[in-house]
Amino acid sequence: PGTGTQDTQTYGKDSYERDYQYIGKIIDRTDTDITIDC
């Protein structure tokens, strides 16, 4: 935006926001079930 650099910094914490958890990938599927590599 060309408005300076103030908005690029986060001074309050160093952690990531993680509201969702990766569970795994689907490695096989049929019309009745899925197989997850967990």
ModelCIF file with pLDDT and N, C-alpha, C, O atoms, coordinates in Angstrom:
data_MODEL
#
_entry.id   MODEL 
#
_entity.id                         1 
_entity.type                       polymer 
_entity.pdbx_number_of_molecules   1 
#
_entity_poly.entity_id                      1 
_entity_poly.type                           'polypeptide(L)' 
_entity_poly.nstd_linkage                   no 
_entity_poly.nstd_monomer                   no 
_entity_poly.pdbx_seq_one_letter_code       PGTGTQDTQTYGKDSYERDYQYIGKIIDRTDTDITIDC 
_entity_poly.pdbx_seq_one_letter_code_can   PGTGTQDTQTYGKDSYERDYQYIGKIIDRTDTDITIDC 
_entity_poly.pdbx_strand_id                 A 
#
loop_
_entity_poly_seq.entity_id 
_entity_poly_seq.num 
_entity_poly_seq.mon_id 
_entity_poly_seq.hetero 
1 1  PRO n 
1 2  GLY n 
1 3  THR n 
1 4  GLY n 
1 5  THR n 
1 6  GLN n 
1 7  ASP n 
1 8  THR n 
1 9  GLN n 
1 10 THR n 
1 11 TYR n 
1 12 GLY n 
1 13 LYS n 
1 14 ASP n 
1 15 SER n 
1 16 TYR n 
1 17 GLU n 
1 18 ARG n 
1 19 ASP n 
1 20 TYR n 
1 21 GLN n 
1 22 TYR n 
1 23 ILE n 
1 24 GLY n 
1 25 LYS n 
1 26 ILE n 
1 27 ILE n 
1 28 ASP n 
1 29 ARG n 
1 30 THR n 
1 31 ASP n 
1 32 THR n 
1 33 ASP n 
1 34 ILE n 
1 35 THR n 
1 36 ILE n 
1 37 ASP n 
1 38 CYS n 
#
_struct_asym.id          A 
_struct_asym.entity_id   1 
#
loop_
_ma_qa_metric.id 
_ma_qa_metric.mode 
_ma_qa_metric.name 
_ma_qa_metric.software_group_id 
_ma_qa_metric.type 
1 global pLDDT . pLDDT 
2 local  pLDDT . pLDDT 
#
_ma_qa_metric_global.metric_id      1 
_ma_qa_metric_global.metric_value   80.13 
_ma_qa_metric_global.model_id       1 
_ma_qa_metric_global.ordinal_id     1 
#
loop_
_ma_qa_metric_local.label_asym_id 
_ma_qa_metric_local.label_comp_id 
_ma_qa_metric_local.label_seq_id 
_ma_qa_metric_local.metric_id 
_ma_qa_metric_local.metric_value 
_ma_qa_metric_local.model_id 
_ma_qa_metric_local.ordinal_id 
A PRO 1  2 91.00 1 1  
A GLY 2  2 84.00 1 2  
A THR 3  2 62.00 1 3  
A GLY 4  2 55.00 1 4  
A THR 5  2 52.00 1 5  
A GLN 6  2 54.00 1 6  
A ASP 7  2 66.00 1 7  
A THR 8  2 64.00 1 8  
A GLN 9  2 60.00 1 9  
A THR 10 2 58.00 1 10 
A TYR 11 2 51.00 1 11 
A GLY 12 2 56.00 1 12 
A LYS 13 2 56.00 1 13 
A ASP 14 2 55.00 1 14 
A SER 15 2 62.00 1 15 
A TYR 16 2 69.00 1 16 
A GLU 17 2 76.00 1 17 
A ARG 18 2 78.00 1 18 
A ASP 19 2 84.00 1 19 
A TYR 20 2 91.00 1 20 
A GLN 21 2 91.00 1 21 
A TYR 22 2 94.00 1 22 
A ILE 23 2 95.00 1 23 
A GLY 24 2 96.00 1 24 
A LYS 25 2 97.00 1 25 
A ILE 26 2 97.00 1 26 
A ILE 27 2 97.00 1 27 
A ASP 28 2 97.00 1 28 
A ARG 29 2 96.00 1 29 
A THR 30 2 95.00 1 30 
A ASP 31 2 94.00 1 31 
A THR 32 2 95.00 1 32 
A ASP 33 2 95.00 1 33 
A ILE 34 2 97.00 1 34 
A THR 35 2 97.00 1 35 
A ILE 36 2 97.00 1 36 
A ASP 37 2 96.00 1 37 
A CYS 38 2 95.00 1 38 
#
loop_
_atom_site.group_PDB 
_atom_site.id 
_atom_site.type_symbol 
_atom_site.label_atom_id 
_atom_site.label_alt_id 
_atom_site.label_comp_id 
_atom_site.label_asym_id 
_atom_site.label_entity_id 
_atom_site.label_seq_id 
_atom_site.pdbx_PDB_ins_code 
_atom_site.Cartn_x 
_atom_site.Cartn_y 
_atom_site.Cartn_z 
_atom_site.occupancy 
_atom_site.B_iso_or_equiv 
_atom_site.pdbx_formal_charge 
_atom_site.auth_seq_id 
_atom_site.auth_comp_id 
_atom_site.auth_asym_id 
_atom_site.auth_atom_id 
_atom_site.pdbx_PDB_model_num 
ATOM 1   N N  . PRO A 1 1  ? 0.808   -1.235  0.000  1.00 91.00 ? 1  PRO A N  1 
ATOM 2   C CA . PRO A 1 1  ? 0.000   0.000   0.000  1.00 91.00 ? 1  PRO A CA 1 
ATOM 3   C C  . PRO A 1 1  ? 0.832   1.272   0.000  1.00 91.00 ? 1  PRO A C  1 
ATOM 4   O O  . PRO A 1 1  ? 0.321   2.347   -0.313 1.00 91.00 ? 1  PRO A O  1 
ATOM 5   N N  . GLY A 1 2  ? 2.113   1.162   0.349  1.00 84.00 ? 2  GLY A N  1 
ATOM 6   C CA . GLY A 1 2  ? 2.968   2.344   0.382  1.00 84.00 ? 2  GLY A CA 1 
ATOM 7   C C  . GLY A 1 2  ? 2.715   3.232   1.568  1.00 84.00 ? 2  GLY A C  1 
ATOM 8   O O  . GLY A 1 2  ? 2.945   4.439   1.500  1.00 84.00 ? 2  GLY A O  1 
ATOM 9   N N  . THR A 1 3  ? 2.240   2.654   2.667  1.00 62.00 ? 3  THR A N  1 
ATOM 10  C CA . THR A 1 3  ? 1.877   3.450   3.843  1.00 62.00 ? 3  THR A CA 1 
ATOM 11  C C  . THR A 1 3  ? 2.896   3.339   4.962  1.00 62.00 ? 3  THR A C  1 
ATOM 12  O O  . THR A 1 3  ? 2.586   3.675   6.105  1.00 62.00 ? 3  THR A O  1 
ATOM 13  N N  . GLY A 1 4  ? 4.097   2.878   4.668  1.00 55.00 ? 4  GLY A N  1 
ATOM 14  C CA . GLY A 1 4  ? 5.096   2.741   5.711  1.00 55.00 ? 4  GLY A CA 1 
ATOM 15  C C  . GLY A 1 4  ? 5.175   1.319   6.211  1.00 55.00 ? 4  GLY A C  1 
ATOM 16  O O  . GLY A 1 4  ? 4.532   0.429   5.655  1.00 55.00 ? 4  GLY A O  1 
ATOM 17  N N  . THR A 1 5  ? 5.949   1.090   7.246  1.00 52.00 ? 5  THR A N  1 
ATOM 18  C CA . THR A 1 5  ? 6.257   -0.259  7.702  1.00 52.00 ? 5  THR A CA 1 
ATOM 19  C C  . THR A 1 5  ? 5.624   -0.632  9.034  1.00 52.00 ? 5  THR A C  1 
ATOM 20  O O  . THR A 1 5  ? 5.757   -1.775  9.472  1.00 52.00 ? 5  THR A O  1 
ATOM 21  N N  . GLN A 1 6  ? 4.941   0.295   9.686  1.00 54.00 ? 6  GLN A N  1 
ATOM 22  C CA . GLN A 1 6  ? 4.411   0.037   11.021 1.00 54.00 ? 6  GLN A CA 1 
ATOM 23  C C  . GLN A 1 6  ? 3.505   -1.193  11.043 1.00 54.00 ? 6  GLN A C  1 
ATOM 24  O O  . GLN A 1 6  ? 3.558   -1.985  11.983 1.00 54.00 ? 6  GLN A O  1 
ATOM 25  N N  . ASP A 1 7  ? 2.681   -1.353  10.022 1.00 66.00 ? 7  ASP A N  1 
ATOM 26  C CA . ASP A 1 7  ? 1.720   -2.449  10.010 1.00 66.00 ? 7  ASP A CA 1 
ATOM 27  C C  . ASP A 1 7  ? 2.364   -3.795  9.755  1.00 66.00 ? 7  ASP A C  1 
ATOM 28  O O  . ASP A 1 7  ? 1.693   -4.819  9.886  1.00 66.00 ? 7  ASP A O  1 
ATOM 29  N N  . THR A 1 8  ? 3.636   -3.838  9.397  1.00 64.00 ? 8  THR A N  1 
ATOM 30  C CA . THR A 1 8  ? 4.274   -5.114  9.094  1.00 64.00 ? 8  THR A CA 1 
ATOM 31  C C  . THR A 1 8  ? 4.783   -5.834  10.333 1.00 64.00 ? 8  THR A C  1 
ATOM 32  O O  . THR A 1 8  ? 5.120   -7.016  10.263 1.00 64.00 ? 8  THR A O  1 
ATOM 33  N N  . GLN A 1 9  ? 4.846   -5.135  11.476 1.00 60.00 ? 9  GLN A N  1 
ATOM 34  C CA . GLN A 1 9  ? 5.414   -5.735  12.682 1.00 60.00 ? 9  GLN A CA 1 
ATOM 35  C C  . GLN A 1 9  ? 4.319   -6.168  13.659 1.00 60.00 ? 9  GLN A C  1 
ATOM 36  O O  . GLN A 1 9  ? 3.232   -5.592  13.707 1.00 60.00 ? 9  GLN A O  1 
ATOM 37  N N  . THR A 1 10 ? 4.647   -7.206  14.435 1.00 58.00 ? 10 THR A N  1 
ATOM 38  C CA . THR A 1 10 ? 3.741   -7.649  15.489 1.00 58.00 ? 10 THR A CA 1 
ATOM 39  C C  . THR A 1 10 ? 4.522   -7.700  16.790 1.00 58.00 ? 10 THR A C  1 
ATOM 40  O O  . THR A 1 10 ? 5.358   -8.580  16.995 1.00 58.00 ? 10 THR A O  1 
ATOM 41  N N  . TYR A 1 11 ? 4.240   -6.751  17.663 1.00 51.00 ? 11 TYR A N  1 
ATOM 42  C CA . TYR A 1 11 ? 5.071   -6.562  18.844 1.00 51.00 ? 11 TYR A CA 1 
ATOM 43  C C  . TYR A 1 11 ? 4.613   -7.362  20.055 1.00 51.00 ? 11 TYR A C  1 
ATOM 44  O O  . TYR A 1 11 ? 5.369   -7.521  21.014 1.00 51.00 ? 11 TYR A O  1 
ATOM 45  N N  . GLY A 1 12 ? 3.391   -7.863  20.023 1.00 56.00 ? 12 GLY A N  1 
ATOM 46  C CA . GLY A 1 12 ? 2.837   -8.454  21.232 1.00 56.00 ? 12 GLY A CA 1 
ATOM 47  C C  . GLY A 1 12 ? 3.228   -9.886  21.494 1.00 56.00 ? 12 GLY A C  1 
ATOM 48  O O  . GLY A 1 12 ? 3.237   -10.315 22.648 1.00 56.00 ? 12 GLY A O  1 
ATOM 49  N N  . LYS A 1 13 ? 3.561   -10.665 20.432 1.00 56.00 ? 13 LYS A N  1 
ATOM 50  C CA . LYS A 1 13 ? 3.857   -12.081 20.624 1.00 56.00 ? 13 LYS A CA 1 
ATOM 51  C C  . LYS A 1 13 ? 4.642   -12.587 19.429 1.00 56.00 ? 13 LYS A C  1 
ATOM 52  O O  . LYS A 1 13 ? 4.695   -11.940 18.383 1.00 56.00 ? 13 LYS A O  1 
ATOM 53  N N  . ASP A 1 14 ? 5.252   -13.754 19.596 1.00 55.00 ? 14 ASP A N  1 
ATOM 54  C CA . ASP A 1 14 ? 5.995   -14.341 18.489 1.00 55.00 ? 14 ASP A CA 1 
ATOM 55  C C  . ASP A 1 14 ? 5.318   -15.591 17.953 1.00 55.00 ? 14 ASP A C  1 
ATOM 56  O O  . ASP A 1 14 ? 5.830   -16.217 17.024 1.00 55.00 ? 14 ASP A O  1 
ATOM 57  N N  . SER A 1 15 ? 4.184   -15.964 18.517 1.00 62.00 ? 15 SER A N  1 
ATOM 58  C CA . SER A 1 15 ? 3.575   -17.252 18.188 1.00 62.00 ? 15 SER A CA 1 
ATOM 59  C C  . SER A 1 15 ? 2.679   -17.161 16.963 1.00 62.00 ? 15 SER A C  1 
ATOM 60  O O  . SER A 1 15 ? 2.247   -16.082 16.558 1.00 62.00 ? 15 SER A O  1 
ATOM 61  N N  . TYR A 1 16 ? 2.412   -18.335 16.384 1.00 69.00 ? 16 TYR A N  1 
ATOM 62  C CA . TYR A 1 16 ? 1.487   -18.448 15.263 1.00 69.00 ? 16 TYR A CA 1 
ATOM 63  C C  . TYR A 1 16 ? 0.060   -18.564 15.781 1.00 69.00 ? 16 TYR A C  1 
ATOM 64  O O  . TYR A 1 16 ? -0.175  -18.996 16.909 1.00 69.00 ? 16 TYR A O  1 
ATOM 65  N N  . GLU A 1 17 ? -0.880  -18.172 14.941 1.00 76.00 ? 17 GLU A N  1 
ATOM 66  C CA . GLU A 1 17 ? -2.287  -18.418 15.216 1.00 76.00 ? 17 GLU A CA 1 
ATOM 67  C C  . GLU A 1 17 ? -2.646  -19.778 14.621 1.00 76.00 ? 17 GLU A C  1 
ATOM 68  O O  . GLU A 1 17 ? -2.484  -20.006 13.423 1.00 76.00 ? 17 GLU A O  1 
ATOM 69  N N  . ARG A 1 18 ? -3.136  -20.678 15.479 1.00 78.00 ? 18 ARG A N  1 
ATOM 70  C CA . ARG A 1 18 ? -3.431  -22.042 15.046 1.00 78.00 ? 18 ARG A CA 1 
ATOM 71  C C  . ARG A 1 18 ? -4.833  -22.426 15.505 1.00 78.00 ? 18 ARG A C  1 
ATOM 72  O O  . ARG A 1 18 ? -5.009  -23.054 16.549 1.00 78.00 ? 18 ARG A O  1 
ATOM 73  N N  . ASP A 1 19 ? -5.805  -22.047 14.725 1.00 84.00 ? 19 ASP A N  1 
ATOM 74  C CA . ASP A 1 19 ? -7.186  -22.350 15.075 1.00 84.00 ? 19 ASP A CA 1 
ATOM 75  C C  . ASP A 1 19 ? -7.649  -23.693 14.527 1.00 84.00 ? 19 ASP A C  1 
ATOM 76  O O  . ASP A 1 19 ? -8.678  -24.225 14.942 1.00 84.00 ? 19 ASP A O  1 
ATOM 77  N N  . TYR A 1 20 ? -6.882  -24.229 13.597 1.00 91.00 ? 20 TYR A N  1 
ATOM 78  C CA . TYR A 1 20 ? -7.209  -25.520 13.000 1.00 91.00 ? 20 TYR A CA 1 
ATOM 79  C C  . TYR A 1 20 ? -6.012  -26.459 13.113 1.00 91.00 ? 20 TYR A C  1 
ATOM 80  O O  . TYR A 1 20 ? -4.859  -26.032 13.050 1.00 91.00 ? 20 TYR A O  1 
ATOM 81  N N  . GLN A 1 21 ? -6.307  -27.723 13.279 1.00 91.00 ? 21 GLN A N  1 
ATOM 82  C CA . GLN A 1 21 ? -5.283  -28.744 13.455 1.00 91.00 ? 21 GLN A CA 1 
ATOM 83  C C  . GLN A 1 21 ? -5.225  -29.639 12.213 1.00 91.00 ? 21 GLN A C  1 
ATOM 84  O O  . GLN A 1 21 ? -6.246  -30.173 11.780 1.00 91.00 ? 21 GLN A O  1 
ATOM 85  N N  . TYR A 1 22 ? -4.047  -29.796 11.654 1.00 94.00 ? 22 TYR A N  1 
ATOM 86  C CA . TYR A 1 22 ? -3.865  -30.763 10.577 1.00 94.00 ? 22 TYR A CA 1 
ATOM 87  C C  . TYR A 1 22 ? -3.961  -32.166 11.168 1.00 94.00 ? 22 TYR A C  1 
ATOM 88  O O  . TYR A 1 22 ? -3.250  -32.488 12.119 1.00 94.00 ? 22 TYR A O  1 
ATOM 89  N N  . ILE A 1 23 ? -4.831  -32.995 10.612 1.00 95.00 ? 23 ILE A N  1 
ATOM 90  C CA . ILE A 1 23 ? -5.005  -34.361 11.093 1.00 95.00 ? 23 ILE A CA 1 
ATOM 91  C C  . ILE A 1 23 ? -4.260  -35.367 10.224 1.00 95.00 ? 23 ILE A C  1 
ATOM 92  O O  . ILE A 1 23 ? -3.595  -36.263 10.744 1.00 95.00 ? 23 ILE A O  1 
ATOM 93  N N  . GLY A 1 24 ? -4.367  -35.228 8.909  1.00 96.00 ? 24 GLY A N  1 
ATOM 94  C CA . GLY A 1 24 ? -3.673  -36.155 8.033  1.00 96.00 ? 24 GLY A CA 1 
ATOM 95  C C  . GLY A 1 24 ? -4.168  -36.038 6.606  1.00 96.00 ? 24 GLY A C  1 
ATOM 96  O O  . GLY A 1 24 ? -4.963  -35.158 6.277  1.00 96.00 ? 24 GLY A O  1 
ATOM 97  N N  . LYS A 1 25 ? -3.695  -36.922 5.780  1.00 97.00 ? 25 LYS A N  1 
ATOM 98  C CA . LYS A 1 25 ? -4.086  -36.933 4.375  1.00 97.00 ? 25 LYS A CA 1 
ATOM 99  C C  . LYS A 1 25 ? -4.865  -38.208 4.073  1.00 97.00 ? 25 LYS A C  1 
ATOM 100 O O  . LYS A 1 25 ? -4.632  -39.253 4.679  1.00 97.00 ? 25 LYS A O  1 
ATOM 101 N N  . ILE A 1 26 ? -5.794  -38.103 3.124  1.00 97.00 ? 26 ILE A N  1 
ATOM 102 C CA . ILE A 1 26 ? -6.599  -39.251 2.707  1.00 97.00 ? 26 ILE A CA 1 
ATOM 103 C C  . ILE A 1 26 ? -5.796  -40.035 1.678  1.00 97.00 ? 26 ILE A C  1 
ATOM 104 O O  . ILE A 1 26 ? -5.482  -39.517 0.606  1.00 97.00 ? 26 ILE A O  1 
ATOM 105 N N  . ILE A 1 27 ? -5.463  -41.282 1.999  1.00 97.00 ? 27 ILE A N  1 
ATOM 106 C CA . ILE A 1 27 ? -4.618  -42.074 1.112  1.00 97.00 ? 27 ILE A CA 1 
ATOM 107 C C  . ILE A 1 27 ? -5.410  -43.133 0.351  1.00 97.00 ? 27 ILE A C  1 
ATOM 108 O O  . ILE A 1 27 ? -4.882  -43.755 -0.570 1.00 97.00 ? 27 ILE A O  1 
ATOM 109 N N  . ASP A 1 28 ? -6.679  -43.346 0.731  1.00 97.00 ? 28 ASP A N  1 
ATOM 110 C CA . ASP A 1 28 ? -7.532  -44.273 0.000  1.00 97.00 ? 28 ASP A CA 1 
ATOM 111 C C  . ASP A 1 28 ? -8.976  -43.880 0.271  1.00 97.00 ? 28 ASP A C  1 
ATOM 112 O O  . ASP A 1 28 ? -9.291  -43.325 1.324  1.00 97.00 ? 28 ASP A O  1 
ATOM 113 N N  . ARG A 1 29 ? -9.860  -44.173 -0.694 1.00 96.00 ? 29 ARG A N  1 
ATOM 114 C CA . ARG A 1 29 ? -11.250 -43.819 -0.495 1.00 96.00 ? 29 ARG A CA 1 
ATOM 115 C C  . ARG A 1 29 ? -12.133 -44.741 -1.327 1.00 96.00 ? 29 ARG A C  1 
ATOM 116 O O  . ARG A 1 29 ? -11.776 -45.160 -2.428 1.00 96.00 ? 29 ARG A O  1 
ATOM 117 N N  . THR A 1 30 ? -13.302 -45.040 -0.758 1.00 95.00 ? 30 THR A N  1 
ATOM 118 C CA . THR A 1 30 ? -14.366 -45.743 -1.468 1.00 95.00 ? 30 THR A CA 1 
ATOM 119 C C  . THR A 1 30 ? -15.640 -44.949 -1.243 1.00 95.00 ? 30 THR A C  1 
ATOM 120 O O  . THR A 1 30 ? -15.609 -43.884 -0.626 1.00 95.00 ? 30 THR A O  1 
ATOM 121 N N  . ASP A 1 31 ? -16.759 -45.459 -1.738 1.00 94.00 ? 31 ASP A N  1 
ATOM 122 C CA . ASP A 1 31 ? -18.010 -44.739 -1.503 1.00 94.00 ? 31 ASP A CA 1 
ATOM 123 C C  . ASP A 1 31 ? -18.591 -45.025 -0.122 1.00 94.00 ? 31 ASP A C  1 
ATOM 124 O O  . ASP A 1 31 ? -19.686 -44.566 0.202  1.00 94.00 ? 31 ASP A O  1 
ATOM 125 N N  . THR A 1 32 ? -17.848 -45.795 0.702  1.00 95.00 ? 32 THR A N  1 
ATOM 126 C CA . THR A 1 32 ? -18.324 -46.092 2.059  1.00 95.00 ? 32 THR A CA 1 
ATOM 127 C C  . THR A 1 32 ? -17.347 -45.676 3.153  1.00 95.00 ? 32 THR A C  1 
ATOM 128 O O  . THR A 1 32 ? -17.740 -45.564 4.314  1.00 95.00 ? 32 THR A O  1 
ATOM 129 N N  . ASP A 1 33 ? -16.076 -45.445 2.805  1.00 95.00 ? 33 ASP A N  1 
ATOM 130 C CA . ASP A 1 33 ? -15.128 -45.010 3.842  1.00 95.00 ? 33 ASP A CA 1 
ATOM 131 C C  . ASP A 1 33 ? -13.908 -44.337 3.228  1.00 95.00 ? 33 ASP A C  1 
ATOM 132 O O  . ASP A 1 33 ? -13.677 -44.401 2.020  1.00 95.00 ? 33 ASP A O  1 
ATOM 133 N N  . ILE A 1 34 ? -13.129 -43.685 4.101  1.00 97.00 ? 34 ILE A N  1 
ATOM 134 C CA . ILE A 1 34 ? -11.846 -43.103 3.708  1.00 97.00 ? 34 ILE A CA 1 
ATOM 135 C C  . ILE A 1 34 ? -10.773 -43.646 4.641  1.00 97.00 ? 34 ILE A C  1 
ATOM 136 O O  . ILE A 1 34 ? -11.053 -43.987 5.790  1.00 97.00 ? 34 ILE A O  1 
ATOM 137 N N  . THR A 1 35 ? -9.547  -43.723 4.141  1.00 97.00 ? 35 THR A N  1 
ATOM 138 C CA . THR A 1 35 ? -8.406  -44.136 4.949  1.00 97.00 ? 35 THR A CA 1 
ATOM 139 C C  . THR A 1 35 ? -7.494  -42.939 5.134  1.00 97.00 ? 35 THR A C  1 
ATOM 140 O O  . THR A 1 35 ? -7.079  -42.310 4.160  1.00 97.00 ? 35 THR A O  1 
ATOM 141 N N  . ILE A 1 36 ? -7.178  -42.622 6.396  1.00 97.00 ? 36 ILE A N  1 
ATOM 142 C CA . ILE A 1 36 ? -6.364  -41.458 6.730  1.00 97.00 ? 36 ILE A CA 1 
ATOM 143 C C  . ILE A 1 36 ? -4.986  -41.904 7.202  1.00 97.00 ? 36 ILE A C  1 
ATOM 144 O O  . ILE A 1 36 ? -4.868  -42.756 8.082  1.00 97.00 ? 36 ILE A O  1 
ATOM 145 N N  . ASP A 1 37 ? -3.954  -41.328 6.616  1.00 96.00 ? 37 ASP A N  1 
ATOM 146 C CA . ASP A 1 37 ? -2.605  -41.448 7.152  1.00 96.00 ? 37 ASP A CA 1 
ATOM 147 C C  . ASP A 1 37 ? -2.488  -40.352 8.203  1.00 96.00 ? 37 ASP A C  1 
ATOM 148 O O  . ASP A 1 37 ? -2.349  -39.176 7.868  1.00 96.00 ? 37 ASP A O  1 
ATOM 149 N N  . CYS A 1 38 ? -2.545  -40.734 9.451  1.00 95.00 ? 38 CYS A N  1 
ATOM 150 C CA . CYS A 1 38 ? -2.802  -39.788 10.542 1.00 95.00 ? 38 CYS A CA 1 
ATOM 151 C C  . CYS A 1 38 ? -1.519  -39.107 11.026 1.00 95.00 ? 38 CYS A C  1 
ATOM 152 O O  . CYS A 1 38 ? -1.564  -38.283 11.939 1.00 95.00 ? 38 CYS A O  1 
#
